[in-house]
Amino acid sequence: MTCMLIGYARVSTNDQDLTAQKHAIATLGVSLQKTFTDQGFTGTNRAWPGLREALAACRAGDTLVVTKLDRLAR
């Protein structure tokens, strides 16, 4: 079984840019096709469709890659 790297990036407002997070995740070896994002979702909002997709893409042995833990939860 091949383990995959799955990326997740999130910014809280639509004015913020995901580029730095996506670049950092790519540097760690995650493909753009396996990087999921949310934009405009605050830490208190739990309806993050990109995170749901990232977690759904993960299988046993895969690794979820984020740039900082606060991108997952507060």
C-alpha atoms as a PDB file:
ATOM      1  CA  MET A   1       0.000   0.000   0.000  1.00  0.00           C
ATOM      2  CA  THR A   2       1.345   3.415  -0.968  1.00  0.00           C
ATOM      3  CA  CYS A   3       1.045   6.152   1.642  1.00  0.00           C
ATOM      4  CA  MET A   4       0.053   9.553   0.318  1.00  0.00           C
ATOM      5  CA  LEU A   5       0.621  13.099   1.480  1.00  0.00           C
ATOM      6  CA  ILE A   6      -2.589  15.155   1.601  1.00  0.00           C
ATOM      7  CA  GLY A   7      -2.340  18.934   2.065  1.00  0.00           C
ATOM      8  CA  TYR A   8      -4.711  21.395   3.667  1.00  0.00           C
ATOM      9  CA  ALA A   9      -4.494  25.208   3.724  1.00  0.00           C
ATOM     10  CA  ARG A  10      -6.951  27.722   5.154  1.00  0.00           C
ATOM     11  CA  VAL A  11      -7.237  31.493   5.480  1.00  0.00           C
ATOM     12  CA  SER A  12      -9.902  33.240   7.520  1.00  0.00           C
ATOM     13  CA  THR A  13     -10.887  36.010   5.128  1.00  0.00           C
ATOM     14  CA  ASN A  14     -11.340  36.345   1.389  1.00  0.00           C
ATOM     15  CA  ASP A  15      -8.721  39.145   1.415  1.00  0.00           C
ATOM     16  CA  GLN A  16      -5.975  36.794   2.618  1.00  0.00           C
ATOM     17  CA  ASP A  17      -3.840  34.763   0.222  1.00  0.00           C
ATOM     18  CA  LEU A  18      -3.282  30.994   0.279  1.00  0.00           C
ATOM     19  CA  THR A  19      -0.097  31.169  -1.825  1.00  0.00           C
ATOM     20  CA  ALA A  20       2.450  30.957   1.022  1.00  0.00           C
ATOM     21  CA  GLN A  21       0.712  27.985   2.641  1.00  0.00           C
ATOM     22  CA  LYS A  22       0.306  26.155  -0.670  1.00  0.00           C
ATOM     23  CA  HIS A  23       3.972  26.770  -1.504  1.00  0.00           C
ATOM     24  CA  ALA A  24       5.107  25.469   1.903  1.00  0.00           C
ATOM     25  CA  ILE A  25       2.939  22.359   1.521  1.00  0.00           C
ATOM     26  CA  ALA A  26       4.306  21.746  -2.000  1.00  0.00           C
ATOM     27  CA  THR A  27       7.858  22.108  -0.670  1.00  0.00           C
ATOM     28  CA  LEU A  28       7.084  19.228   1.699  1.00  0.00           C
ATOM     29  CA  GLY A  29       6.219  17.023  -1.275  1.00  0.00           C
ATOM     30  CA  VAL A  30       2.436  17.332  -1.518  1.00  0.00           C
ATOM     31  CA  SER A  31       1.081  17.627  -5.060  1.00  0.00           C
ATOM     32  CA  LEU A  32      -1.266  20.470  -5.926  1.00  0.00           C
ATOM     33  CA  GLN A  33      -3.911  17.901  -6.883  1.00  0.00           C
ATOM     34  CA  LYS A  34      -3.804  16.547  -3.310  1.00  0.00           C
ATOM     35  CA  THR A  35      -3.920  19.978  -1.608  1.00  0.00           C
ATOM     36  CA  PHE A  36      -7.337  21.132  -0.401  1.00  0.00           C
ATOM     37  CA  THR A  37      -8.151  24.693   0.637  1.00  0.00           C
ATOM     38  CA  ASP A  38     -10.688  26.861   2.404  1.00  0.00           C
ATOM     39  CA  GLN A  39     -10.814  30.635   2.076  1.00  0.00           C
ATOM     40  CA  GLY A  40     -13.031  32.961   4.075  1.00  0.00           C
ATOM     41  CA  PHE A  41     -13.714  30.511   6.901  1.00  0.00           C
ATOM     42  CA  THR A  42     -12.824  31.683  10.403  1.00  0.00           C
ATOM     43  CA  GLY A  43     -11.477  29.452  13.149  1.00  0.00           C
ATOM     44  CA  THR A  44     -14.843  29.494  14.902  1.00  0.00           C
ATOM     45  CA  ASN A  45     -16.719  28.321  11.802  1.00  0.00           C
ATOM     46  CA  ARG A  46     -16.640  24.523  11.686  1.00  0.00           C
ATOM     47  CA  ALA A  47     -18.167  24.130   8.208  1.00  0.00           C
ATOM     48  CA  TRP A  48     -14.922  23.851   6.229  1.00  0.00           C
ATOM     49  CA  PRO A  49     -15.623  21.980   2.981  1.00  0.00           C
ATOM     50  CA  GLY A  50     -11.935  21.833   1.996  1.00  0.00           C
ATOM     51  CA  LEU A  51     -11.013  20.155   5.279  1.00  0.00           C
ATOM     52  CA  ARG A  52     -13.842  17.656   4.830  1.00  0.00           C
ATOM     53  CA  GLU A  53     -12.509  16.836   1.361  1.00  0.00           C
ATOM     54  CA  ALA A  54      -8.932  16.518   2.641  1.00  0.00           C
ATOM     55  CA  LEU A  55      -9.970  14.154   5.417  1.00  0.00           C
ATOM     56  CA  ALA A  56     -12.108  12.127   2.997  1.00  0.00           C
ATOM     57  CA  ALA A  57      -9.062  11.752   0.727  1.00  0.00           C
ATOM     58  CA  CYS A  58      -6.957  10.336   3.590  1.00  0.00           C
ATOM     59  CA  ARG A  59      -6.653   6.588   3.961  1.00  0.00           C
ATOM     60  CA  ALA A  60      -4.914   4.504   6.621  1.00  0.00           C
ATOM     61  CA  GLY A  61      -1.210   5.379   6.618  1.00  0.00           C
ATOM     62  CA  ASP A  62      -1.594   8.696   4.767  1.00  0.00           C
ATOM     63  CA  THR A  63      -0.296  11.951   6.242  1.00  0.00           C
ATOM     64  CA  LEU A  64      -2.296  15.193   6.424  1.00  0.00           C
ATOM     65  CA  VAL A  65       0.091  18.139   5.953  1.00  0.00           C
ATOM     66  CA  VAL A  66      -0.677  21.644   7.269  1.00  0.00           C
ATOM     67  CA  THR A  67       1.657  24.598   7.746  1.00  0.00           C
ATOM     68  CA  LYS A  68       0.452  25.345  11.285  1.00  0.00           C
ATOM     69  CA  LEU A  69      -1.891  23.529  13.641  1.00  0.00           C
ATOM     70  CA  ASP A  70      -4.149  26.585  13.939  1.00  0.00           C
ATOM     71  CA  ARG A  71      -5.166  25.972  10.317  1.00  0.00           C
ATOM     72  CA  LEU A  72      -7.036  22.901  11.604  1.00  0.00           C
ATOM     73  CA  ALA A  73      -8.578  24.250  14.813  1.00  0.00           C
ATOM     74  CA  ARG A  74      -8.370  26.916  17.467  1.00  0.00           C
END
